[in-house]
PDB file of N, CA and C in Angstrom:
ATOM      1  N   UNK A   1       5.613 -29.003 -25.346  1.00  0.00           N
ATOM      2  CA  UNK A   1       4.358 -28.420 -25.185  1.00  0.00           C
ATOM      3  C   UNK A   1       4.453 -27.188 -24.159  1.00  0.00           C
ATOM      4  N   UNK A   2       3.980 -26.006 -24.837  1.00  0.00           N
ATOM      5  CA  UNK A   2       3.975 -24.909 -24.022  1.00  0.00           C
ATOM      6  C   UNK A   2       2.647 -24.568 -23.502  1.00  0.00           C
ATOM      7  N   UNK A   3       2.716 -23.478 -22.464  1.00  0.00           N
ATOM      8  CA  UNK A   3       1.359 -23.278 -21.926  1.00  0.00           C
ATOM      9  C   UNK A   3       0.796 -21.934 -22.724  1.00  0.00           C
ATOM     10  N   UNK A   4      -0.353 -21.472 -22.271  1.00  0.00           N
ATOM     11  CA  UNK A   4      -0.885 -20.247 -22.838  1.00  0.00           C
ATOM     12  C   UNK A   4      -0.007 -19.006 -22.863  1.00  0.00           C
ATOM     13  N   UNK A   5      -0.032 -18.266 -23.825  1.00  0.00           N
ATOM     14  CA  UNK A   5       0.745 -17.045 -23.913  1.00  0.00           C
ATOM     15  C   UNK A   5       0.528 -16.110 -22.823  1.00  0.00           C
ATOM     16  N   UNK A   6       1.295 -15.214 -22.444  1.00  0.00           N
ATOM     17  CA  UNK A   6       1.296 -14.213 -21.415  1.00  0.00           C
ATOM     18  C   UNK A   6       0.086 -13.310 -21.970  1.00  0.00           C
ATOM     19  N   UNK A   7      -0.562 -12.534 -21.202  1.00  0.00           N
ATOM     20  CA  UNK A   7      -1.618 -11.577 -21.543  1.00  0.00           C
ATOM     21  C   UNK A   7      -0.953 -10.441 -22.266  1.00  0.00           C
ATOM     22  N   UNK A   8       0.221  -9.916 -22.072  1.00  0.00           N
ATOM     23  CA  UNK A   8       0.844  -8.785 -22.820  1.00  0.00           C
ATOM     24  C   UNK A   8       1.972  -9.317 -23.338  1.00  0.00           C
ATOM     25  N   UNK A   9       2.455  -8.954 -24.732  1.00  0.00           N
ATOM     26  CA  UNK A   9       3.728  -9.270 -25.341  1.00  0.00           C
ATOM     27  C   UNK A   9       4.854  -8.697 -24.416  1.00  0.00           C
ATOM     28  N   UNK A  10       5.715  -9.417 -23.900  1.00  0.00           N
ATOM     29  CA  UNK A  10       6.901  -8.718 -23.207  1.00  0.00           C
ATOM     30  C   UNK A  10       7.733  -7.912 -24.112  1.00  0.00           C
ATOM     31  N   UNK A  11       7.519  -7.955 -25.458  1.00  0.00           N
ATOM     32  CA  UNK A  11       8.431  -6.904 -26.295  1.00  0.00           C
ATOM     33  C   UNK A  11       7.653  -5.854 -26.612  1.00  0.00           C
ATOM     34  N   UNK A  12       6.441  -5.420 -26.246  1.00  0.00           N
ATOM     35  CA  UNK A  12       5.675  -4.681 -26.504  1.00  0.00           C
ATOM     36  C   UNK A  12       6.146  -3.235 -25.768  1.00  0.00           C
ATOM     37  N   UNK A  13       5.928  -2.111 -26.323  1.00  0.00           N
ATOM     38  CA  UNK A  13       6.044  -0.912 -25.544  1.00  0.00           C
ATOM     39  C   UNK A  13       4.961  -0.420 -24.889  1.00  0.00           C
ATOM     40  N   UNK A  14       4.316  -1.207 -24.016  1.00  0.00           N
ATOM     41  CA  UNK A  14       3.047  -1.037 -23.399  1.00  0.00           C
ATOM     42  C   UNK A  14       3.432  -0.025 -21.876  1.00  0.00           C
ATOM     43  N   UNK A  15       4.663   0.083 -21.608  1.00  0.00           N
ATOM     44  CA  UNK A  15       4.837   0.626 -20.294  1.00  0.00           C
ATOM     45  C   UNK A  15       4.427  -0.099 -18.959  1.00  0.00           C
ATOM     46  N   UNK A  16       4.647  -1.372 -18.994  1.00  0.00           N
ATOM     47  CA  UNK A  16       4.439  -2.200 -17.888  1.00  0.00           C
ATOM     48  C   UNK A  16       5.466  -2.376 -17.031  1.00  0.00           C
ATOM     49  N   UNK A  17       5.155  -2.628 -15.663  1.00  0.00           N
ATOM     50  CA  UNK A  17       6.280  -2.841 -14.590  1.00  0.00           C
ATOM     51  C   UNK A  17       6.938  -3.986 -14.979  1.00  0.00           C
ATOM     52  N   UNK A  18       8.343  -4.194 -14.745  1.00  0.00           N
ATOM     53  CA  UNK A  18       8.916  -5.361 -14.932  1.00  0.00           C
ATOM     54  C   UNK A  18       8.475  -6.437 -14.102  1.00  0.00           C
ATOM     55  N   UNK A  19       7.847  -6.478 -13.151  1.00  0.00           N
ATOM     56  CA  UNK A  19       7.489  -7.479 -12.509  1.00  0.00           C
ATOM     57  C   UNK A  19       5.831  -7.917 -12.623  1.00  0.00           C
ATOM     58  N   UNK A  20       5.114  -7.166 -13.558  1.00  0.00           N
ATOM     59  CA  UNK A  20       3.894  -7.398 -13.670  1.00  0.00           C
ATOM     60  C   UNK A  20       3.688  -8.901 -14.338  1.00  0.00           C
ATOM     61  N   UNK A  21       2.611  -9.718 -13.726  1.00  0.00           N
ATOM     62  CA  UNK A  21       2.377 -11.043 -13.945  1.00  0.00           C
ATOM     63  C   UNK A  21       1.604 -11.006 -15.639  1.00  0.00           C
ATOM     64  N   UNK A  22       1.237  -9.755 -16.076  1.00  0.00           N
ATOM     65  CA  UNK A  22       0.765  -9.788 -17.385  1.00  0.00           C
ATOM     66  C   UNK A  22       1.740 -10.203 -18.356  1.00  0.00           C
ATOM     67  N   UNK A  23       3.137  -9.867 -18.003  1.00  0.00           N
ATOM     68  CA  UNK A  23       4.118 -10.156 -18.927  1.00  0.00           C
ATOM     69  C   UNK A  23       4.630 -11.747 -19.006  1.00  0.00           C
ATOM     70  N   UNK A  24       3.948 -12.544 -17.767  1.00  0.00           N
ATOM     71  CA  UNK A  24       4.520 -13.919 -17.728  1.00  0.00           C
ATOM     72  C   UNK A  24       3.279 -14.839 -17.619  1.00  0.00           C
ATOM     73  N   UNK A  25       2.098 -14.360 -17.329  1.00  0.00           N
ATOM     74  CA  UNK A  25       1.007 -15.397 -17.292  1.00  0.00           C
ATOM     75  C   UNK A  25      -0.226 -15.011 -18.065  1.00  0.00           C
ATOM     76  N   UNK A  26      -1.114 -15.950 -18.378  1.00  0.00           N
ATOM     77  CA  UNK A  26      -2.304 -15.523 -19.186  1.00  0.00           C
ATOM     78  C   UNK A  26      -3.159 -14.890 -18.090  1.00  0.00           C
ATOM     79  N   UNK A  27      -4.304 -14.286 -18.791  1.00  0.00           N
ATOM     80  CA  UNK A  27      -5.034 -13.438 -17.645  1.00  0.00           C
ATOM     81  C   UNK A  27      -5.891 -14.077 -16.866  1.00  0.00           C
ATOM     82  N   UNK A  28      -6.260 -15.388 -17.064  1.00  0.00           N
ATOM     83  CA  UNK A  28      -6.890 -16.275 -16.111  1.00  0.00           C
ATOM     84  C   UNK A  28      -6.102 -16.527 -14.868  1.00  0.00           C
ATOM     85  N   UNK A  29      -4.744 -16.284 -14.915  1.00  0.00           N
ATOM     86  CA  UNK A  29      -3.954 -16.795 -13.791  1.00  0.00           C
ATOM     87  C   UNK A  29      -3.357 -15.565 -12.973  1.00  0.00           C
ATOM     88  N   UNK A  30      -3.931 -14.434 -12.855  1.00  0.00           N
ATOM     89  CA  UNK A  30      -3.565 -13.421 -11.966  1.00  0.00           C
ATOM     90  C   UNK A  30      -4.891 -12.510 -11.633  1.00  0.00           C
ATOM     91  N   UNK A  31      -4.524 -11.953 -10.588  1.00  0.00           N
ATOM     92  CA  UNK A  31      -5.785 -10.865 -10.384  1.00  0.00           C
ATOM     93  C   UNK A  31      -5.275  -9.524 -10.296  1.00  0.00           C
ATOM     94  N   UNK A  32      -6.134  -8.581 -10.551  1.00  0.00           N
ATOM     95  CA  UNK A  32      -5.960  -7.098 -10.593  1.00  0.00           C
ATOM     96  C   UNK A  32      -6.368  -6.306  -9.535  1.00  0.00           C
ATOM     97  N   UNK A  33      -5.527  -5.595  -8.648  1.00  0.00           N
ATOM     98  CA  UNK A  33      -6.176  -4.767  -7.878  1.00  0.00           C
ATOM     99  C   UNK A  33      -6.164  -3.414  -8.361  1.00  0.00           C
ATOM    100  N   UNK A  34      -6.932  -2.388  -7.899  1.00  0.00           N
ATOM    101  CA  UNK A  34      -6.967  -1.055  -8.263  1.00  0.00           C
ATOM    102  C   UNK A  34      -5.746  -0.212  -7.832  1.00  0.00           C
ATOM    103  N   UNK A  35      -4.898  -0.590  -6.908  1.00  0.00           N
ATOM    104  CA  UNK A  35      -3.746   0.113  -6.447  1.00  0.00           C
ATOM    105  C   UNK A  35      -2.932  -0.816  -5.534  1.00  0.00           C
ATOM    106  N   UNK A  36      -1.651  -0.339  -5.402  1.00  0.00           N
ATOM    107  CA  UNK A  36      -0.835  -1.171  -4.580  1.00  0.00           C
ATOM    108  C   UNK A  36      -1.609  -1.263  -2.973  1.00  0.00           C
ATOM    109  N   UNK A  37      -1.484  -2.436  -2.515  1.00  0.00           N
ATOM    110  CA  UNK A  37      -1.954  -2.596  -1.201  1.00  0.00           C
ATOM    111  C   UNK A  37      -1.491  -3.754  -0.429  1.00  0.00           C
ATOM    112  N   UNK A  38      -1.913  -3.821   0.781  1.00  0.00           N
ATOM    113  CA  UNK A  38      -1.480  -5.024   1.785  1.00  0.00           C
ATOM    114  C   UNK A  38      -1.943  -6.281   1.264  1.00  0.00           C
ATOM    115  N   UNK A  39      -2.996  -6.322   0.591  1.00  0.00           N
ATOM    116  CA  UNK A  39      -3.608  -7.445   0.122  1.00  0.00           C
ATOM    117  C   UNK A  39      -2.661  -8.226  -1.174  1.00  0.00           C
ATOM    118  N   UNK A  40      -1.788  -7.562  -1.675  1.00  0.00           N
ATOM    119  CA  UNK A  40      -1.073  -7.876  -2.895  1.00  0.00           C
ATOM    120  C   UNK A  40       0.440  -7.209  -2.514  1.00  0.00           C
ATOM    121  N   UNK A  41       1.087  -8.141  -1.545  1.00  0.00           N
ATOM    122  CA  UNK A  41       2.340  -7.617  -1.043  1.00  0.00           C
ATOM    123  C   UNK A  41       3.427  -8.262  -2.065  1.00  0.00           C
ATOM    124  N   UNK A  42       4.523  -7.337  -2.027  1.00  0.00           N
ATOM    125  CA  UNK A  42       5.601  -7.663  -2.799  1.00  0.00           C
ATOM    126  C   UNK A  42       6.545  -8.879  -2.094  1.00  0.00           C
ATOM    127  N   UNK A  43       6.864  -9.726  -2.883  1.00  0.00           N
ATOM    128  CA  UNK A  43       7.572 -10.894  -2.321  1.00  0.00           C
ATOM    129  C   UNK A  43       9.024 -10.657  -2.913  1.00  0.00           C
ATOM    130  N   UNK A  44      10.027 -10.323  -1.820  1.00  0.00           N
ATOM    131  CA  UNK A  44      11.347 -10.030  -2.203  1.00  0.00           C
ATOM    132  C   UNK A  44      12.207 -11.269  -2.659  1.00  0.00           C
ATOM    133  N   UNK A  45      11.844 -12.446  -2.489  1.00  0.00           N
ATOM    134  CA  UNK A  45      12.360 -13.547  -2.839  1.00  0.00           C
ATOM    135  C   UNK A  45      12.579 -13.764  -4.341  1.00  0.00           C
ATOM    136  N   UNK A  46      11.425 -13.810  -4.960  1.00  0.00           N
ATOM    137  CA  UNK A  46      11.330 -13.687  -6.379  1.00  0.00           C
ATOM    138  C   UNK A  46      10.766 -12.417  -7.102  1.00  0.00           C
ATOM    139  N   UNK A  47      10.674 -11.459  -6.569  1.00  0.00           N
ATOM    140  CA  UNK A  47      10.316 -10.199  -6.972  1.00  0.00           C
ATOM    141  C   UNK A  47       9.205  -9.761  -7.530  1.00  0.00           C
ATOM    142  N   UNK A  48       7.992 -10.575  -7.182  1.00  0.00           N
ATOM    143  CA  UNK A  48       6.583 -10.488  -7.774  1.00  0.00           C
ATOM    144  C   UNK A  48       5.700 -10.077  -6.778  1.00  0.00           C
ATOM    145  N   UNK A  49       4.385  -9.658  -6.881  1.00  0.00           N
ATOM    146  CA  UNK A  49       3.397  -9.455  -5.881  1.00  0.00           C
ATOM    147  C   UNK A  49       2.291 -10.712  -5.811  1.00  0.00           C
ATOM    148  N   UNK A  50       2.090 -11.154  -4.744  1.00  0.00           N
ATOM    149  CA  UNK A  50       1.005 -12.247  -4.667  1.00  0.00           C
ATOM    150  C   UNK A  50       0.006 -11.840  -3.670  1.00  0.00           C
ATOM    151  N   UNK A  51      -1.226 -12.446  -3.748  1.00  0.00           N
ATOM    152  CA  UNK A  51      -2.153 -12.165  -2.533  1.00  0.00           C
ATOM    153  C   UNK A  51      -1.673 -13.236  -1.604  1.00  0.00           C
ATOM    154  N   UNK A  52      -2.490 -13.120  -0.434  1.00  0.00           N
ATOM    155  CA  UNK A  52      -2.312 -13.993   0.548  1.00  0.00           C
ATOM    156  C   UNK A  52      -2.545 -15.408   0.313  1.00  0.00           C
ATOM    157  N   UNK A  53      -3.378 -15.721  -0.724  1.00  0.00           N
ATOM    158  CA  UNK A  53      -3.815 -17.186  -1.084  1.00  0.00           C
ATOM    159  C   UNK A  53      -2.620 -17.595  -2.122  1.00  0.00           C
ATOM    160  N   UNK A  54      -1.666 -16.582  -2.693  1.00  0.00           N
ATOM    161  CA  UNK A  54      -0.897 -17.178  -3.467  1.00  0.00           C
ATOM    162  C   UNK A  54      -0.905 -16.906  -4.974  1.00  0.00           C
ATOM    163  N   UNK A  55      -1.941 -16.175  -5.144  1.00  0.00           N
ATOM    164  CA  UNK A  55      -2.284 -15.790  -6.657  1.00  0.00           C
ATOM    165  C   UNK A  55      -1.493 -14.532  -6.957  1.00  0.00           C
ATOM    166  N   UNK A  56      -0.794 -14.480  -8.335  1.00  0.00           N
ATOM    167  CA  UNK A  56      -0.184 -13.462  -8.801  1.00  0.00           C
ATOM    168  C   UNK A  56      -0.942 -12.426  -8.831  1.00  0.00           C
ATOM    169  N   UNK A  57      -0.436 -11.159  -8.557  1.00  0.00           N
ATOM    170  CA  UNK A  57      -1.270  -9.866  -8.556  1.00  0.00           C
ATOM    171  C   UNK A  57      -0.685  -8.846  -9.437  1.00  0.00           C
ATOM    172  N   UNK A  58      -1.468  -7.957 -10.049  1.00  0.00           N
ATOM    173  CA  UNK A  58      -1.064  -6.669 -10.733  1.00  0.00           C
ATOM    174  C   UNK A  58      -1.770  -5.598 -10.013  1.00  0.00           C
ATOM    175  N   UNK A  59      -1.044  -4.399  -9.875  1.00  0.00           N
ATOM    176  CA  UNK A  59      -1.609  -3.373  -8.971  1.00  0.00           C
ATOM    177  C   UNK A  59      -1.712  -2.037  -9.662  1.00  0.00           C
ATOM    178  N   UNK A  60      -1.487  -2.144 -11.013  1.00  0.00           N
ATOM    179  CA  UNK A  60      -1.561  -1.075 -11.912  1.00  0.00           C
ATOM    180  C   UNK A  60      -2.351  -1.193 -13.225  1.00  0.00           C
ATOM    181  N   UNK A  61      -3.776  -1.472 -12.988  1.00  0.00           N
ATOM    182  CA  UNK A  61      -4.552  -1.838 -14.034  1.00  0.00           C
ATOM    183  C   UNK A  61      -4.579  -0.878 -15.326  1.00  0.00           C
ATOM    184  N   UNK A  62      -4.312   0.536 -14.740  1.00  0.00           N
ATOM    185  CA  UNK A  62      -4.269   1.401 -16.053  1.00  0.00           C
ATOM    186  C   UNK A  62      -2.985   1.303 -16.902  1.00  0.00           C
ATOM    187  N   UNK A  63      -2.244   0.417 -16.721  1.00  0.00           N
ATOM    188  CA  UNK A  63      -0.700   0.095 -17.331  1.00  0.00           C
ATOM    189  C   UNK A  63      -1.152  -0.922 -18.278  1.00  0.00           C
ATOM    190  N   UNK A  64      -2.101  -1.997 -17.949  1.00  0.00           N
ATOM    191  CA  UNK A  64      -2.430  -3.063 -18.703  1.00  0.00           C
ATOM    192  C   UNK A  64      -3.603  -2.741 -19.517  1.00  0.00           C
ATOM    193  N   UNK A  65      -4.334  -1.759 -19.162  1.00  0.00           N
ATOM    194  CA  UNK A  65      -5.584  -1.488 -19.984  1.00  0.00           C
ATOM    195  C   UNK A  65      -6.823  -2.587 -19.692  1.00  0.00           C
ATOM    196  N   UNK A  66      -6.748  -2.898 -18.358  1.00  0.00           N
ATOM    197  CA  UNK A  66      -7.974  -3.681 -17.893  1.00  0.00           C
ATOM    198  C   UNK A  66      -8.541  -3.270 -16.548  1.00  0.00           C
ATOM    199  N   UNK A  67      -9.787  -3.455 -16.338  1.00  0.00           N
ATOM    200  CA  UNK A  67     -10.327  -2.971 -15.211  1.00  0.00           C
ATOM    201  C   UNK A  67      -9.937  -4.027 -14.018  1.00  0.00           C
ATOM    202  N   UNK A  68      -9.830  -3.542 -12.806  1.00  0.00           N
ATOM    203  CA  UNK A  68      -9.544  -4.155 -11.511  1.00  0.00           C
ATOM    204  C   UNK A  68     -10.541  -5.219 -11.422  1.00  0.00           C
ATOM    205  N   UNK A  69      -9.984  -6.405 -10.765  1.00  0.00           N
ATOM    206  CA  UNK A  69     -10.869  -7.483 -10.308  1.00  0.00           C
ATOM    207  C   UNK A  69     -11.310  -7.074  -8.924  1.00  0.00           C
ATOM    208  N   UNK A  70     -10.329  -6.587  -8.142  1.00  0.00           N
ATOM    209  CA  UNK A  70     -10.634  -6.199  -6.640  1.00  0.00           C
ATOM    210  C   UNK A  70     -10.148  -5.040  -6.395  1.00  0.00           C
ATOM    211  N   UNK A  71     -10.848  -4.468  -5.484  1.00  0.00           N
ATOM    212  CA  UNK A  71     -10.675  -3.003  -4.886  1.00  0.00           C
ATOM    213  C   UNK A  71      -9.971  -3.263  -3.579  1.00  0.00           C
ATOM    214  N   UNK A  72      -8.659  -2.522  -3.551  1.00  0.00           N
ATOM    215  CA  UNK A  72      -8.042  -2.510  -2.269  1.00  0.00           C
ATOM    216  C   UNK A  72      -8.672  -2.005  -1.042  1.00  0.00           C
ATOM    217  N   UNK A  73      -8.369  -2.525   0.230  1.00  0.00           N
ATOM    218  CA  UNK A  73      -9.003  -2.151   1.479  1.00  0.00           C
ATOM    219  C   UNK A  73      -8.803  -0.478   1.496  1.00  0.00           C
ATOM    220  N   UNK A  74      -9.587   0.289   2.131  1.00  0.00           N
ATOM    221  CA  UNK A  74      -9.259   1.547   2.340  1.00  0.00           C
ATOM    222  C   UNK A  74      -8.025   1.680   3.232  1.00  0.00           C
ATOM    223  N   UNK A  75      -7.331   2.609   2.938  1.00  0.00           N
ATOM    224  CA  UNK A  75      -6.151   3.015   3.769  1.00  0.00           C
ATOM    225  C   UNK A  75      -6.481   3.275   5.139  1.00  0.00           C
ATOM    226  N   UNK A  76      -5.801   2.788   6.161  1.00  0.00           N
ATOM    227  CA  UNK A  76      -5.929   3.156   7.571  1.00  0.00           C
ATOM    228  C   UNK A  76      -5.268   4.231   7.963  1.00  0.00           C
ATOM    229  N   UNK A  77      -6.009   5.205   8.630  1.00  0.00           N
ATOM    230  CA  UNK A  77      -5.369   6.477   8.900  1.00  0.00           C
ATOM    231  C   UNK A  77      -3.967   6.273   9.709  1.00  0.00           C
ATOM    232  N   UNK A  78      -3.057   7.017   9.712  1.00  0.00           N
ATOM    233  CA  UNK A  78      -1.750   6.856  10.580  1.00  0.00           C
ATOM    234  C   UNK A  78      -2.349   7.327  11.771  1.00  0.00           C
ATOM    235  N   UNK A  79      -1.848   6.674  13.010  1.00  0.00           N
ATOM    236  CA  UNK A  79      -2.172   7.160  14.272  1.00  0.00           C
ATOM    237  C   UNK A  79      -1.334   8.758  14.696  1.00  0.00           C
ATOM    238  N   UNK A  80      -2.180   9.525  15.171  1.00  0.00           N
ATOM    239  CA  UNK A  80      -1.668  10.916  15.327  1.00  0.00           C
ATOM    240  C   UNK A  80      -0.399  10.831  16.432  1.00  0.00           C
ATOM    241  N   UNK A  81       0.435  11.591  16.315  1.00  0.00           N
ATOM    242  CA  UNK A  81       1.693  11.525  17.057  1.00  0.00           C
ATOM    243  C   UNK A  81       1.056  12.225  18.474  1.00  0.00           C
ATOM    244  N   UNK A  82       1.596  11.614  19.691  1.00  0.00           N
ATOM    245  CA  UNK A  82       1.188  12.384  20.727  1.00  0.00           C
ATOM    246  C   UNK A  82       1.743  13.614  21.071  1.00  0.00           C
ATOM    247  N   UNK A  83       0.928  14.637  21.468  1.00  0.00           N
ATOM    248  CA  UNK A  83       1.599  15.953  21.627  1.00  0.00           C
ATOM    249  C   UNK A  83       2.145  16.119  22.909  1.00  0.00           C
ATOM    250  N   UNK A  84       3.243  16.757  22.978  1.00  0.00           N
ATOM    251  CA  UNK A  84       3.973  16.769  24.261  1.00  0.00           C
ATOM    252  C   UNK A  84       3.203  17.784  25.225  1.00  0.00           C
ATOM    253  N   UNK A  85       3.318  17.454  26.591  1.00  0.00           N
ATOM    254  CA  UNK A  85       2.495  18.474  27.570  1.00  0.00           C
ATOM    255  C   UNK A  85       2.984  19.680  27.350  1.00  0.00           C
ATOM    256  N   UNK A  86       1.961  20.611  27.448  1.00  0.00           N
ATOM    257  CA  UNK A  86       2.125  22.184  27.474  1.00  0.00           C
ATOM    258  C   UNK A  86       2.710  22.635  28.511  1.00  0.00           C
ATOM    259  N   UNK A  87       3.910  23.385  28.409  1.00  0.00           N
ATOM    260  CA  UNK A  87       4.605  23.929  29.584  1.00  0.00           C
ATOM    261  C   UNK A  87       3.626  25.088  30.093  1.00  0.00           C
ATOM    262  N   UNK A  88       3.753  25.201  31.320  1.00  0.00           N
ATOM    263  CA  UNK A  88       2.966  26.314  32.169  1.00  0.00           C
ATOM    264  C   UNK A  88       4.003  27.420  32.218  1.00  0.00           C
ATOM    265  N   UNK A  89       3.523  28.582  32.200  1.00  0.00           N
ATOM    266  CA  UNK A  89       4.336  29.901  32.186  1.00  0.00           C
ATOM    267  C   UNK A  89       3.840  30.719  33.480  1.00  0.00           C
ATOM    268  N   UNK A  90       4.783  31.060  34.305  1.00  0.00           N
ATOM    269  CA  UNK A  90       4.525  31.918  35.391  1.00  0.00           C
ATOM    270  C   UNK A  90       3.755  31.068  36.470  1.00  0.00           C
ATOM    271  N   UNK A  91       3.972  29.828  36.643  1.00  0.00           N
ATOM    272  CA  UNK A  91       2.910  29.339  37.666  1.00  0.00           C
ATOM    273  C   UNK A  91       3.724  29.631  39.256  1.00  0.00           C
ATOM    274  N   UNK A  92       2.698  29.948  39.974  1.00  0.00           N
ATOM    275  CA  UNK A  92       3.063  30.241  41.455  1.00  0.00           C
ATOM    276  C   UNK A  92       2.314  29.193  42.283  1.00  0.00           C
ATOM    277  N   UNK A  93       2.905  28.413  43.211  1.00  0.00           N
ATOM    278  CA  UNK A  93       1.988  27.523  44.108  1.00  0.00           C
ATOM    279  C   UNK A  93       1.089  28.697  44.950  1.00  0.00           C
ATOM    280  N   UNK A  94      -0.026  28.174  45.339  1.00  0.00           N
ATOM    281  CA  UNK A  94      -0.960  28.891  46.082  1.00  0.00           C
ATOM    282  C   UNK A  94      -0.350  29.558  47.349  1.00  0.00           C
ATOM    283  N   UNK A  95       0.396  28.785  47.922  1.00  0.00           N
ATOM    284  CA  UNK A  95       0.935  29.411  49.216  1.00  0.00           C
ATOM    285  C   UNK A  95       1.909  30.509  49.086  1.00  0.00           C
ATOM    286  N   UNK A  96       2.525  30.687  47.882  1.00  0.00           N
ATOM    287  CA  UNK A  96       3.416  31.602  47.544  1.00  0.00           C
ATOM    288  C   UNK A  96       2.862  32.876  46.932  1.00  0.00           C
ATOM    289  N   UNK A  97       1.632  32.936  46.675  1.00  0.00           N
ATOM    290  CA  UNK A  97       1.174  34.236  45.934  1.00  0.00           C
ATOM    291  C   UNK A  97       1.217  35.555  46.798  1.00  0.00           C
ATOM    292  N   UNK A  98       1.231  36.481  46.148  1.00  0.00           N
ATOM    293  CA  UNK A  98       1.271  37.942  46.868  1.00  0.00           C
ATOM    294  C   UNK A  98      -0.063  38.175  47.508  1.00  0.00           C
ATOM    295  N   UNK A  99       0.079  38.710  48.744  1.00  0.00           N
ATOM    296  CA  UNK A  99      -1.063  39.086  49.241  1.00  0.00           C
ATOM    297  C   UNK A  99      -1.662  37.991  50.292  1.00  0.00           C
ATOM    298  N   UNK A 100      -1.145  36.785  50.205  1.00  0.00           N
ATOM    299  CA  UNK A 100      -1.458  35.742  51.276  1.00  0.00           C
ATOM    300  C   UNK A 100      -0.703  35.984  52.419  1.00  0.00           C
ATOM    301  N   UNK A 101      -1.456  36.348  53.436  1.00  0.00           N
ATOM    302  CA  UNK A 101      -0.658  36.460  54.715  1.00  0.00           C
ATOM    303  C   UNK A 101      -0.892  35.034  55.609  1.00  0.00           C
ATOM    304  N   UNK A 102      -0.785  34.142  55.148  1.00  0.00           N
ATOM    305  CA  UNK A 102      -1.132  32.867  55.621  1.00  0.00           C
ATOM    306  C   UNK A 102      -0.470  31.930  56.423  1.00  0.00           C
TER     307      UNK A 102
END
């Protein structure tokens, strides 16, 4: 007894990623995000993407021709690098200024 067929035929010329769950799972068994994101991280152990809940995830809806189920969270702005202090030029202490007879 075999399970339901995958959403997309692995032999097709559809241009899918090699790790896409559409090649190995029926549509009901994976979620689609609108782009790569932290919510669907790559698992280096088996080479696929999963949600934090363990669901298989696709992050390229345009390649499989389906609308995304979920929108990825907005990207966090990267923190600005701290600016080095600006060097002062031609600084004289007040006690050393010309004209001070003090």
